């Protein structure tokens, strides 16, 4: 699956600088959040909402009993 991330080289550089402790520019933060929301929506559109956590918890509990 291709996510087609559209961050620019300056965005990538800003992220690396953030990892090194420099504050992230609000514009970069907003672009990253918007792109993440688009990717999430695309995944939901293609696969629907997956709710597997409840089943996994129940399965784990059954194994412990």
PDB file of N, CA and C in Angstrom:
ATOM      1  N   UNK A   1       0.846  -1.177   0.000  1.00  0.00           N
ATOM      2  CA  UNK A   1       0.000   0.000   0.000  1.00  0.00           C
ATOM      3  C   UNK A   1       0.888   1.234   0.000  1.00  0.00           C
ATOM      4  N   UNK A   2       0.600   2.136  -0.870  1.00  0.00           N
ATOM      5  CA  UNK A   2       1.347   3.385  -0.933  1.00  0.00           C
ATOM      6  C   UNK A   2       0.587   4.466  -0.179  1.00  0.00           C
ATOM      7  N   UNK A   3       1.288   5.161   0.693  1.00  0.00           N
ATOM      8  CA  UNK A   3       0.642   6.231   1.454  1.00  0.00           C
ATOM      9  C   UNK A   3       0.786   7.579   0.769  1.00  0.00           C
ATOM     10  N   UNK A   4       1.651   7.660  -0.241  1.00  0.00           N
ATOM     11  CA  UNK A   4       1.858   8.906  -0.968  1.00  0.00           C
ATOM     12  C   UNK A   4       2.083  10.094  -0.039  1.00  0.00           C
ATOM     13  N   UNK A   5       3.008   9.955   0.885  1.00  0.00           N
ATOM     14  CA  UNK A   5       3.318  11.053   1.793  1.00  0.00           C
ATOM     15  C   UNK A   5       3.815  12.249   0.999  1.00  0.00           C
ATOM     16  N   UNK A   6       3.312  13.406   1.336  1.00  0.00           N
ATOM     17  CA  UNK A   6       3.662  14.604   0.596  1.00  0.00           C
ATOM     18  C   UNK A   6       4.415  15.597   1.464  1.00  0.00           C
ATOM     19  N   UNK A   7       5.248  15.106   2.346  1.00  0.00           N
ATOM     20  CA  UNK A   7       6.082  16.026   3.111  1.00  0.00           C
ATOM     21  C   UNK A   7       7.230  16.465   2.222  1.00  0.00           C
ATOM     22  N   UNK A   8       7.648  17.683   2.409  1.00  0.00           N
ATOM     23  CA  UNK A   8       8.745  18.214   1.606  1.00  0.00           C
ATOM     24  C   UNK A   8      10.055  17.952   2.329  1.00  0.00           C
ATOM     25  N   UNK A   9      11.139  18.138   1.623  1.00  0.00           N
ATOM     26  CA  UNK A   9      12.441  17.979   2.252  1.00  0.00           C
ATOM     27  C   UNK A   9      12.590  18.889   3.473  1.00  0.00           C
ATOM     28  N   UNK A  10      12.133  20.155   3.396  1.00  0.00           N
ATOM     29  CA  UNK A  10      12.213  20.990   4.605  1.00  0.00           C
ATOM     30  C   UNK A  10      11.376  20.422   5.759  1.00  0.00           C
ATOM     31  N   UNK A  11      10.221  19.823   5.448  1.00  0.00           N
ATOM     32  CA  UNK A  11       9.417  19.191   6.506  1.00  0.00           C
ATOM     33  C   UNK A  11      10.190  18.037   7.138  1.00  0.00           C
ATOM     34  N   UNK A  12      10.802  17.224   6.309  1.00  0.00           N
ATOM     35  CA  UNK A  12      11.585  16.104   6.835  1.00  0.00           C
ATOM     36  C   UNK A  12      12.738  16.609   7.691  1.00  0.00           C
ATOM     37  N   UNK A  13      13.379  17.651   7.225  1.00  0.00           N
ATOM     38  CA  UNK A  13      14.487  18.232   7.991  1.00  0.00           C
ATOM     39  C   UNK A  13      13.984  18.785   9.320  1.00  0.00           C
ATOM     40  N   UNK A  14      12.814  19.424   9.302  1.00  0.00           N
ATOM     41  CA  UNK A  14      12.237  19.970  10.538  1.00  0.00           C
ATOM     42  C   UNK A  14      11.914  18.852  11.523  1.00  0.00           C
ATOM     43  N   UNK A  15      11.451  17.719  11.010  1.00  0.00           N
ATOM     44  CA  UNK A  15      11.154  16.576  11.884  1.00  0.00           C
ATOM     45  C   UNK A  15      12.439  16.058  12.519  1.00  0.00           C
ATOM     46  N   UNK A  16      13.485  15.957  11.726  1.00  0.00           N
ATOM     47  CA  UNK A  16      14.767  15.513  12.278  1.00  0.00           C
ATOM     48  C   UNK A  16      15.280  16.489  13.329  1.00  0.00           C
ATOM     49  N   UNK A  17      15.123  17.769  13.077  1.00  0.00           N
ATOM     50  CA  UNK A  17      15.536  18.772  14.061  1.00  0.00           C
ATOM     51  C   UNK A  17      14.694  18.645  15.335  1.00  0.00           C
ATOM     52  N   UNK A  18      13.423  18.318  15.187  1.00  0.00           N
ATOM     53  CA  UNK A  18      12.544  18.130  16.364  1.00  0.00           C
ATOM     54  C   UNK A  18      13.042  16.967  17.207  1.00  0.00           C
ATOM     55  N   UNK A  19      13.441  15.913  16.548  1.00  0.00           N
ATOM     56  CA  UNK A  19      13.990  14.752  17.266  1.00  0.00           C
ATOM     57  C   UNK A  19      15.229  15.159  18.045  1.00  0.00           C
ATOM     58  N   UNK A  20      15.981  16.098  17.494  1.00  0.00           N
ATOM     59  CA  UNK A  20      17.194  16.586  18.163  1.00  0.00           C
ATOM     60  C   UNK A  20      16.894  17.633  19.230  1.00  0.00           C
ATOM     61  N   UNK A  21      15.613  17.980  19.409  1.00  0.00           N
ATOM     62  CA  UNK A  21      15.239  18.876  20.495  1.00  0.00           C
ATOM     63  C   UNK A  21      14.766  20.257  20.083  1.00  0.00           C
ATOM     64  N   UNK A  22      14.845  20.589  18.810  1.00  0.00           N
ATOM     65  CA  UNK A  22      14.404  21.903  18.346  1.00  0.00           C
ATOM     66  C   UNK A  22      12.873  21.907  18.230  1.00  0.00           C
ATOM     67  N   UNK A  23      12.212  22.989  18.624  1.00  0.00           N
ATOM     68  CA  UNK A  23      10.751  23.051  18.504  1.00  0.00           C
ATOM     69  C   UNK A  23      10.301  22.915  17.044  1.00  0.00           C
ATOM     70  N   UNK A  24       9.169  22.283  16.862  1.00  0.00           N
ATOM     71  CA  UNK A  24       8.618  22.085  15.526  1.00  0.00           C
ATOM     72  C   UNK A  24       7.761  23.280  15.141  1.00  0.00           C
ATOM     73  N   UNK A  25       7.996  23.796  13.957  1.00  0.00           N
ATOM     74  CA  UNK A  25       7.234  24.923  13.445  1.00  0.00           C
ATOM     75  C   UNK A  25       5.756  24.526  13.347  1.00  0.00           C
ATOM     76  N   UNK A  26       4.838  25.380  13.802  1.00  0.00           N
ATOM     77  CA  UNK A  26       3.406  25.058  13.751  1.00  0.00           C
ATOM     78  C   UNK A  26       2.895  24.739  12.344  1.00  0.00           C
ATOM     79  N   UNK A  27       3.431  25.379  11.324  1.00  0.00           N
ATOM     80  CA  UNK A  27       2.997  25.103   9.950  1.00  0.00           C
ATOM     81  C   UNK A  27       3.379  23.685   9.536  1.00  0.00           C
ATOM     82  N   UNK A  28       4.582  23.270   9.910  1.00  0.00           N
ATOM     83  CA  UNK A  28       5.024  21.904   9.607  1.00  0.00           C
ATOM     84  C   UNK A  28       4.151  20.915  10.361  1.00  0.00           C
ATOM     85  N   UNK A  29       3.913  21.195  11.635  1.00  0.00           N
ATOM     86  CA  UNK A  29       3.064  20.334  12.459  1.00  0.00           C
ATOM     87  C   UNK A  29       1.691  20.180  11.818  1.00  0.00           C
ATOM     88  N   UNK A  30       1.103  21.274  11.362  1.00  0.00           N
ATOM     89  CA  UNK A  30      -0.227  21.221  10.748  1.00  0.00           C
ATOM     90  C   UNK A  30      -0.223  20.413   9.456  1.00  0.00           C
ATOM     91  N   UNK A  31       0.804  20.581   8.628  1.00  0.00           N
ATOM     92  CA  UNK A  31       0.889  19.800   7.382  1.00  0.00           C
ATOM     93  C   UNK A  31       0.991  18.308   7.687  1.00  0.00           C
ATOM     94  N   UNK A  32       1.786  17.957   8.675  1.00  0.00           N
ATOM     95  CA  UNK A  32       1.964  16.544   9.035  1.00  0.00           C
ATOM     96  C   UNK A  32       0.658  15.971   9.573  1.00  0.00           C
ATOM     97  N   UNK A  33      -0.028  16.718  10.447  1.00  0.00           N
ATOM     98  CA  UNK A  33      -1.313  16.264  10.993  1.00  0.00           C
ATOM     99  C   UNK A  33      -2.359  16.077   9.893  1.00  0.00           C
ATOM    100  N   UNK A  34      -2.430  17.036   8.964  1.00  0.00           N
ATOM    101  CA  UNK A  34      -3.394  16.938   7.869  1.00  0.00           C
ATOM    102  C   UNK A  34      -3.114  15.732   6.990  1.00  0.00           C
ATOM    103  N   UNK A  35      -1.850  15.499   6.685  1.00  0.00           N
ATOM    104  CA  UNK A  35      -1.489  14.352   5.854  1.00  0.00           C
ATOM    105  C   UNK A  35      -1.818  13.046   6.576  1.00  0.00           C
ATOM    106  N   UNK A  36      -1.556  12.999   7.876  1.00  0.00           N
ATOM    107  CA  UNK A  36      -1.898  11.808   8.654  1.00  0.00           C
ATOM    108  C   UNK A  36      -3.394  11.546   8.669  1.00  0.00           C
ATOM    109  N   UNK A  37      -4.176  12.605   8.782  1.00  0.00           N
ATOM    110  CA  UNK A  37      -5.633  12.458   8.760  1.00  0.00           C
ATOM    111  C   UNK A  37      -6.109  11.942   7.408  1.00  0.00           C
ATOM    112  N   UNK A  38      -5.505  12.415   6.326  1.00  0.00           N
ATOM    113  CA  UNK A  38      -5.863  11.935   4.989  1.00  0.00           C
ATOM    114  C   UNK A  38      -5.529  10.452   4.825  1.00  0.00           C
ATOM    115  N   UNK A  39      -4.375  10.058   5.319  1.00  0.00           N
ATOM    116  CA  UNK A  39      -3.967   8.653   5.230  1.00  0.00           C
ATOM    117  C   UNK A  39      -4.921   7.784   6.032  1.00  0.00           C
ATOM    118  N   UNK A  40      -5.263   8.230   7.252  1.00  0.00           N
ATOM    119  CA  UNK A  40      -6.190   7.482   8.095  1.00  0.00           C
ATOM    120  C   UNK A  40      -7.538   7.326   7.403  1.00  0.00           C
ATOM    121  N   UNK A  41      -8.044   8.390   6.825  1.00  0.00           N
ATOM    122  CA  UNK A  41      -9.335   8.338   6.134  1.00  0.00           C
ATOM    123  C   UNK A  41      -9.285   7.396   4.944  1.00  0.00           C
ATOM    124  N   UNK A  42      -8.197   7.417   4.200  1.00  0.00           N
ATOM    125  CA  UNK A  42      -8.046   6.514   3.057  1.00  0.00           C
ATOM    126  C   UNK A  42      -8.061   5.054   3.510  1.00  0.00           C
ATOM    127  N   UNK A  43      -7.363   4.760   4.581  1.00  0.00           N
ATOM    128  CA  UNK A  43      -7.350   3.395   5.107  1.00  0.00           C
ATOM    129  C   UNK A  43      -8.750   2.977   5.551  1.00  0.00           C
ATOM    130  N   UNK A  44      -9.457   3.870   6.236  1.00  0.00           N
ATOM    131  CA  UNK A  44     -10.834   3.560   6.659  1.00  0.00           C
ATOM    132  C   UNK A  44     -11.748   3.356   5.457  1.00  0.00           C
ATOM    133  N   UNK A  45     -11.574   4.157   4.425  1.00  0.00           N
ATOM    134  CA  UNK A  45     -12.398   4.035   3.232  1.00  0.00           C
ATOM    135  C   UNK A  45     -12.144   2.690   2.541  1.00  0.00           C
ATOM    136  N   UNK A  46     -10.891   2.266   2.520  1.00  0.00           N
ATOM    137  CA  UNK A  46     -10.539   1.022   1.846  1.00  0.00           C
ATOM    138  C   UNK A  46     -10.893  -0.216   2.666  1.00  0.00           C
ATOM    139  N   UNK A  47     -10.715  -0.142   3.992  1.00  0.00           N
ATOM    140  CA  UNK A  47     -10.830  -1.346   4.819  1.00  0.00           C
ATOM    141  C   UNK A  47     -11.919  -1.274   5.872  1.00  0.00           C
ATOM    142  N   UNK A  48     -12.547  -0.127   6.043  1.00  0.00           N
ATOM    143  CA  UNK A  48     -13.540   0.028   7.101  1.00  0.00           C
ATOM    144  C   UNK A  48     -12.838   0.207   8.443  1.00  0.00           C
ATOM    145  N   UNK A  49     -13.643   0.398   9.456  1.00  0.00           N
ATOM    146  CA  UNK A  49     -13.091   0.548  10.803  1.00  0.00           C
ATOM    147  C   UNK A  49     -12.836  -0.831  11.370  1.00  0.00           C
ATOM    148  N   UNK A  50     -11.625  -1.070  11.789  1.00  0.00           N
ATOM    149  CA  UNK A  50     -11.256  -2.358  12.354  1.00  0.00           C
ATOM    150  C   UNK A  50     -11.276  -2.255  13.871  1.00  0.00           C
ATOM    151  N   UNK A  51     -12.080  -3.087  14.487  1.00  0.00           N
ATOM    152  CA  UNK A  51     -12.175  -3.092  15.936  1.00  0.00           C
ATOM    153  C   UNK A  51     -11.750  -4.471  16.427  1.00  0.00           C
ATOM    154  N   UNK A  52     -10.455  -4.678  16.497  1.00  0.00           N
ATOM    155  CA  UNK A  52      -9.952  -5.993  16.875  1.00  0.00           C
ATOM    156  C   UNK A  52      -9.512  -6.055  18.330  1.00  0.00           C
ATOM    157  N   UNK A  53      -9.417  -4.911  18.991  1.00  0.00           N
ATOM    158  CA  UNK A  53      -8.899  -4.892  20.361  1.00  0.00           C
ATOM    159  C   UNK A  53      -9.786  -5.700  21.300  1.00  0.00           C
ATOM    160  N   UNK A  54     -11.094  -5.556  21.204  1.00  0.00           N
ATOM    161  CA  UNK A  54     -12.005  -6.265  22.110  1.00  0.00           C
ATOM    162  C   UNK A  54     -11.845  -7.765  21.934  1.00  0.00           C
ATOM    163  N   UNK A  55     -11.798  -8.222  20.707  1.00  0.00           N
ATOM    164  CA  UNK A  55     -11.632  -9.655  20.457  1.00  0.00           C
ATOM    165  C   UNK A  55     -10.302 -10.163  21.007  1.00  0.00           C
ATOM    166  N   UNK A  56      -9.238  -9.380  20.841  1.00  0.00           N
ATOM    167  CA  UNK A  56      -7.932  -9.802  21.358  1.00  0.00           C
ATOM    168  C   UNK A  56      -7.929  -9.863  22.882  1.00  0.00           C
ATOM    169  N   UNK A  57      -8.563  -8.914  23.539  1.00  0.00           N
ATOM    170  CA  UNK A  57      -8.636  -8.921  25.002  1.00  0.00           C
ATOM    171  C   UNK A  57      -9.430 -10.125  25.484  1.00  0.00           C
ATOM    172  N   UNK A  58     -10.551 -10.399  24.866  1.00  0.00           N
ATOM    173  CA  UNK A  58     -11.361 -11.568  25.259  1.00  0.00           C
ATOM    174  C   UNK A  58     -10.589 -12.863  25.046  1.00  0.00           C
ATOM    175  N   UNK A  59      -9.898 -12.953  23.934  1.00  0.00           N
ATOM    176  CA  UNK A  59      -9.111 -14.152  23.645  1.00  0.00           C
ATOM    177  C   UNK A  59      -8.011 -14.343  24.683  1.00  0.00           C
ATOM    178  N   UNK A  60      -7.365 -13.253  25.065  1.00  0.00           N
ATOM    179  CA  UNK A  60      -6.313 -13.325  26.077  1.00  0.00           C
ATOM    180  C   UNK A  60      -6.878 -13.760  27.425  1.00  0.00           C
ATOM    181  N   UNK A  61      -8.023 -13.225  27.790  1.00  0.00           N
ATOM    182  CA  UNK A  61      -8.655 -13.588  29.059  1.00  0.00           C
ATOM    183  C   UNK A  61      -9.027 -15.070  29.079  1.00  0.00           C
ATOM    184  N   UNK A  62      -9.550 -15.559  27.970  1.00  0.00           N
ATOM    185  CA  UNK A  62      -9.915 -16.975  27.885  1.00  0.00           C
ATOM    186  C   UNK A  62      -8.703 -17.878  28.061  1.00  0.00           C
ATOM    187  N   UNK A  63      -7.573 -17.461  27.520  1.00  0.00           N
ATOM    188  CA  UNK A  63      -6.355 -18.256  27.619  1.00  0.00           C
ATOM    189  C   UNK A  63      -5.819 -18.286  29.053  1.00  0.00           C
ATOM    190  N   UNK A  64      -6.098 -17.230  29.824  1.00  0.00           N
ATOM    191  CA  UNK A  64      -5.604 -17.139  31.192  1.00  0.00           C
ATOM    192  C   UNK A  64      -6.472 -17.916  32.183  1.00  0.00           C
ATOM    193  N   UNK A  65      -7.675 -18.236  31.796  1.00  0.00           N
ATOM    194  CA  UNK A  65      -8.591 -18.920  32.718  1.00  0.00           C
ATOM    195  C   UNK A  65      -8.314 -20.399  32.800  1.00  0.00           C
TER     196      UNK A  65
END
